[in-house]
């Protein structure tokens, strides 16, 4: 049987706040196969963002085991975790997280700086990705000159810059109107068709139902999966 690209085994993430212990995740066991398009759904405060931070190697568990491509995350140092983030994972956020002073082209080029490739090659990759997401004629525009949907397309292009096999999308349509949100969703579906594993956090059940699998989380525990 194929090794899951993402695997959680009895994962807990607790935070101590004063005299209180916050159980953000309380015993999550979950396997995500390569090429999945998985929705993670649940109310605010349920543990969705904590789960995404752990998948994205932005945090480490209090206990339990997390594997990304078979590697145990808890056994890796900061440099090795950064390498996984940069090479294997692309992030797309609700609020785009674009650098306001940079053009769309320069925003997409940013993740490529750390690969040590030439400026010419970085530019060629960024131009190709912006054309892929339908922004060939908006490359020189800054974020303030773009619509919400266009900003998210730039963010998706940036997430693809290092050709990651995993895309983590945290409420990527939350700041968009419903029509634009559907267009962005179609873009994720296309990326999944290319073979990328997509983990998609949403509170919108209609969007979650468009994914090819889902789990629901509440109070740090999985309610069901399908």
Protein backbone atom coordinates (compact mmCIF):
# COMPACT_ATOMS: atom_id res chain seq x y z
CA UNK A 1 0.00 0.00 0.00
CA UNK A 2 1.30 3.47 -0.90
CA UNK A 3 2.73 5.59 1.92
CA UNK A 4 0.44 8.58 2.66
CA UNK A 5 1.99 11.91 1.71
CA UNK A 6 0.75 13.31 5.06
CA UNK A 7 0.23 11.13 8.14
CA UNK A 8 -0.89 12.08 11.67
CA UNK A 9 -0.76 9.48 14.44
CA UNK A 10 -2.36 10.38 17.80
CA UNK A 11 -1.26 14.00 17.39
CA UNK A 12 -1.90 16.45 20.20
CA UNK A 13 -1.09 20.15 20.31
CA UNK A 14 -1.62 21.79 23.69
CA UNK A 15 -0.92 25.38 24.68
CA UNK A 16 -0.48 26.64 28.22
CA UNK A 17 -2.13 30.01 28.83
CA UNK A 18 -1.64 31.10 32.41
CA UNK A 19 -2.98 28.25 34.50
CA UNK A 20 -5.10 26.85 31.66
CA UNK A 21 -4.23 24.19 29.11
CA UNK A 22 -5.78 24.76 25.68
CA UNK A 23 -6.22 21.50 23.78
CA UNK A 24 -6.06 22.85 20.22
CA UNK A 25 -5.70 19.31 18.86
CA UNK A 26 -6.50 16.34 21.06
CA UNK A 27 -5.50 13.06 19.46
CA UNK A 28 -5.74 13.38 15.67
CA UNK A 29 -5.06 10.32 13.52
CA UNK A 30 -5.33 11.02 9.81
CA UNK A 31 -3.76 9.76 6.58
CA UNK A 32 -3.88 11.90 3.44
CA UNK A 33 -2.96 9.99 0.28
CA UNK A 34 -0.89 11.53 -2.48
CA UNK A 35 -3.09 13.34 -4.99
CA UNK A 36 -5.96 13.87 -2.55
CA UNK A 37 -8.15 16.97 -2.56
CA UNK A 38 -9.20 17.09 1.09
CA UNK A 39 -11.47 19.64 2.74
CA UNK A 40 -10.99 20.32 6.45
CA UNK A 41 -14.19 21.79 7.84
CA UNK A 42 -15.27 22.99 11.25
CA UNK A 43 -16.39 26.05 13.22
CA UNK A 44 -14.09 28.83 14.37
CA UNK A 45 -11.77 27.63 17.13
CA UNK A 46 -12.20 23.96 16.23
CA UNK A 47 -8.50 23.37 15.51
CA UNK A 48 -8.43 23.79 11.71
CA UNK A 49 -5.65 26.38 11.66
CA UNK A 50 -3.56 24.42 14.18
CA UNK A 51 -3.90 21.34 11.99
CA UNK A 52 -2.79 23.33 8.93
CA UNK A 53 0.18 24.82 10.79
CA UNK A 54 1.34 21.34 11.71
CA UNK A 55 0.94 20.02 8.17
CA UNK A 56 2.85 23.05 6.91
CA UNK A 57 5.75 22.48 9.33
CA UNK A 58 5.06 25.86 10.93
CA UNK A 59 4.56 24.22 14.33
CA UNK A 60 5.43 20.95 16.06
CA UNK A 61 3.13 18.65 18.04
CA UNK A 62 3.04 18.32 21.80
CA UNK A 63 2.86 14.55 21.30
CA UNK A 64 2.19 12.05 18.55
CA UNK A 65 3.86 11.58 15.18
CA UNK A 66 3.57 13.57 11.96
CA UNK A 67 5.11 12.32 8.72
CA UNK A 68 5.44 14.30 5.49
CA UNK A 69 6.54 12.10 2.59
CA UNK A 70 7.58 9.51 5.18
CA UNK A 71 9.81 11.88 7.17
CA UNK A 72 9.03 12.28 10.88
CA UNK A 73 8.65 16.04 11.36
CA UNK A 74 9.45 15.97 15.08
CA UNK A 75 12.92 14.57 14.33
CA UNK A 76 13.93 17.41 11.99
CA UNK A 77 15.78 20.62 12.82
CA UNK A 78 14.71 24.13 11.81
CA UNK A 79 16.77 24.11 8.61
CA UNK A 80 15.32 20.76 7.53
CA UNK A 81 11.77 21.94 8.28
CA UNK A 82 12.41 25.08 6.26
CA UNK A 83 13.62 22.91 3.38
CA UNK A 84 10.38 20.90 3.42
CA UNK A 85 8.30 24.09 3.48
CA UNK A 86 10.23 25.61 0.60
CA UNK A 87 10.45 22.55 -1.63
CA UNK A 88 7.35 20.49 -0.95
CA UNK A 89 4.60 22.83 0.31
CA UNK A 90 2.86 25.84 -1.20
CA UNK A 91 0.71 28.09 1.00
CA UNK A 92 -2.39 30.08 0.00
CA UNK A 93 -4.04 32.28 2.63
CA UNK A 94 -7.40 34.02 2.99
CA UNK A 95 -5.85 37.49 3.01
CA UNK A 96 -3.38 36.80 0.18
CA UNK A 97 -0.27 37.94 2.15
CA UNK A 98 1.19 39.75 -0.87
CA UNK A 99 3.94 42.33 -0.46
CA UNK A 100 2.18 45.64 -1.24
CA UNK A 101 5.17 47.48 -2.73
CA UNK A 102 5.97 44.71 -5.20
CA UNK A 103 4.35 43.97 -8.54
CA UNK A 104 2.53 40.69 -9.14
CA UNK A 105 5.62 39.46 -10.99
CA UNK A 106 7.98 40.34 -8.15
CA UNK A 107 5.65 38.76 -5.55
CA UNK A 108 5.76 35.46 -7.43
CA UNK A 109 9.54 35.68 -7.76
CA UNK A 110 10.13 36.03 -3.99
CA UNK A 111 10.09 32.28 -3.10
CA UNK A 112 12.52 31.60 -5.94
CA UNK A 113 15.24 33.82 -4.49
CA UNK A 114 16.28 31.12 -2.01
CA UNK A 115 16.88 28.53 -4.75
CA UNK A 116 20.00 30.27 -6.00
CA UNK A 117 18.83 30.50 -9.60
CA UNK A 118 19.46 33.46 -11.85
CA UNK A 119 17.21 36.51 -12.00
CA UNK A 120 16.43 35.70 -15.64
CA UNK A 121 15.23 32.19 -14.77
CA UNK A 122 13.22 33.46 -11.78
CA UNK A 123 11.51 35.96 -14.06
CA UNK A 124 10.73 33.32 -16.68
CA UNK A 125 9.19 30.99 -14.08
CA UNK A 126 7.10 33.79 -12.54
CA UNK A 127 5.86 35.00 -15.93
CA UNK A 128 4.87 31.44 -16.89
CA UNK A 129 2.95 30.95 -13.62
CA UNK A 130 1.09 34.26 -13.89
CA UNK A 131 0.10 33.36 -17.43
CA UNK A 132 -1.06 29.96 -16.11
CA UNK A 133 -3.43 31.65 -13.64
CA UNK A 134 -4.75 34.08 -16.26
CA UNK A 135 -2.84 37.23 -15.28
CA UNK A 136 -0.55 37.69 -18.27
CA UNK A 137 -1.74 41.30 -18.62
CA UNK A 138 -1.47 42.13 -14.90
CA UNK A 139 2.15 41.21 -14.17
CA UNK A 140 3.26 44.80 -13.57
CA UNK A 141 0.35 45.69 -11.30
CA UNK A 142 0.78 46.05 -7.56
CA UNK A 143 -1.72 44.42 -5.17
CA UNK A 144 -3.61 47.71 -4.68
CA UNK A 145 -4.31 47.71 -8.42
CA UNK A 146 -5.79 44.21 -8.43
CA UNK A 147 -9.21 42.82 -7.50
CA UNK A 148 -9.57 40.27 -4.70
CA UNK A 149 -9.77 37.41 -7.18
CA UNK A 150 -6.70 38.64 -9.02
CA UNK A 151 -4.76 38.93 -5.76
CA UNK A 152 -5.63 35.34 -4.92
CA UNK A 153 -4.49 34.23 -8.37
CA UNK A 154 -1.15 35.93 -7.72
CA UNK A 155 -1.00 34.13 -4.36
CA UNK A 156 -1.67 30.80 -6.07
CA UNK A 157 1.05 31.50 -8.65
CA UNK A 158 3.44 32.32 -5.81
CA UNK A 159 2.51 29.07 -4.03
CA UNK A 160 3.43 27.17 -7.21
CA UNK A 161 6.78 28.90 -7.66
CA UNK A 162 8.86 26.04 -6.26
CA UNK A 163 6.66 23.40 -7.92
CA UNK A 164 5.43 21.89 -4.62
CA UNK A 165 3.60 18.56 -4.49
CA UNK A 166 1.37 19.79 -1.62
CA UNK A 167 -0.80 22.93 -1.59
CA UNK A 168 -2.25 24.13 1.74
CA UNK A 169 -5.14 26.56 1.25
CA UNK A 170 -6.44 28.23 4.43
CA UNK A 171 -9.89 29.76 3.73
CA UNK A 172 -8.66 30.87 0.28
CA UNK A 173 -12.11 32.08 -0.81
CA UNK A 174 -13.09 33.68 2.51
CA UNK A 175 -12.33 37.25 1.37
CA UNK A 176 -13.98 36.83 -2.04
CA UNK A 177 -17.52 37.11 -3.37
CA UNK A 178 -19.24 33.83 -4.18
CA UNK A 179 -18.72 34.00 -7.96
CA UNK A 180 -15.01 34.73 -7.63
CA UNK A 181 -14.73 32.07 -4.94
CA UNK A 182 -16.07 29.46 -7.35
CA UNK A 183 -13.53 30.55 -9.99
CA UNK A 184 -10.71 30.13 -7.47
CA UNK A 185 -12.13 26.76 -6.47
CA UNK A 186 -12.05 25.66 -10.11
CA UNK A 187 -8.39 26.62 -10.20
CA UNK A 188 -7.66 24.35 -7.23
CA UNK A 189 -9.58 21.54 -8.93
CA UNK A 190 -7.37 21.98 -11.99
CA UNK A 191 -4.21 21.87 -9.86
CA UNK A 192 -5.45 18.68 -8.24
CA UNK A 193 -6.07 17.19 -11.68
CA UNK A 194 -2.36 17.78 -12.35
CA UNK A 195 -1.57 15.44 -9.44
CA UNK A 196 -0.94 17.89 -6.60
CA UNK A 197 -2.19 17.06 -3.11
CA UNK A 198 -4.46 19.85 -1.87
CA UNK A 199 -5.60 20.40 1.72
CA UNK A 200 -8.36 22.98 1.72
CA UNK A 201 -9.64 24.60 4.93
CA UNK A 202 -13.10 26.11 4.62
CA UNK A 203 -16.15 26.88 6.71
CA UNK A 204 -18.27 26.92 3.52
CA UNK A 205 -19.90 23.50 3.26
CA UNK A 206 -20.83 24.01 -0.41
CA UNK A 207 -17.15 24.47 -1.28
CA UNK A 208 -16.13 21.61 0.97
CA UNK A 209 -18.51 19.33 -0.90
CA UNK A 210 -16.67 20.13 -4.14
CA UNK A 211 -13.50 18.61 -2.74
CA UNK A 212 -12.87 14.91 -3.29
CA UNK A 213 -12.85 14.04 0.40
CA UNK A 214 -13.47 15.80 3.69
CA UNK A 215 -12.94 15.66 7.44
CA UNK A 216 -14.78 17.64 10.08
CA UNK A 217 -13.06 18.85 13.23
CA UNK A 218 -14.57 20.14 16.46
CA UNK A 219 -12.90 20.88 19.78
CA UNK A 220 -9.62 19.51 18.47
CA UNK A 221 -11.01 16.12 17.47
CA UNK A 222 -12.09 14.66 14.14
CA UNK A 223 -15.85 14.14 13.99
CA UNK A 224 -16.00 12.11 10.79
CA UNK A 225 -14.32 11.57 7.48
CA UNK A 226 -15.63 10.52 4.14
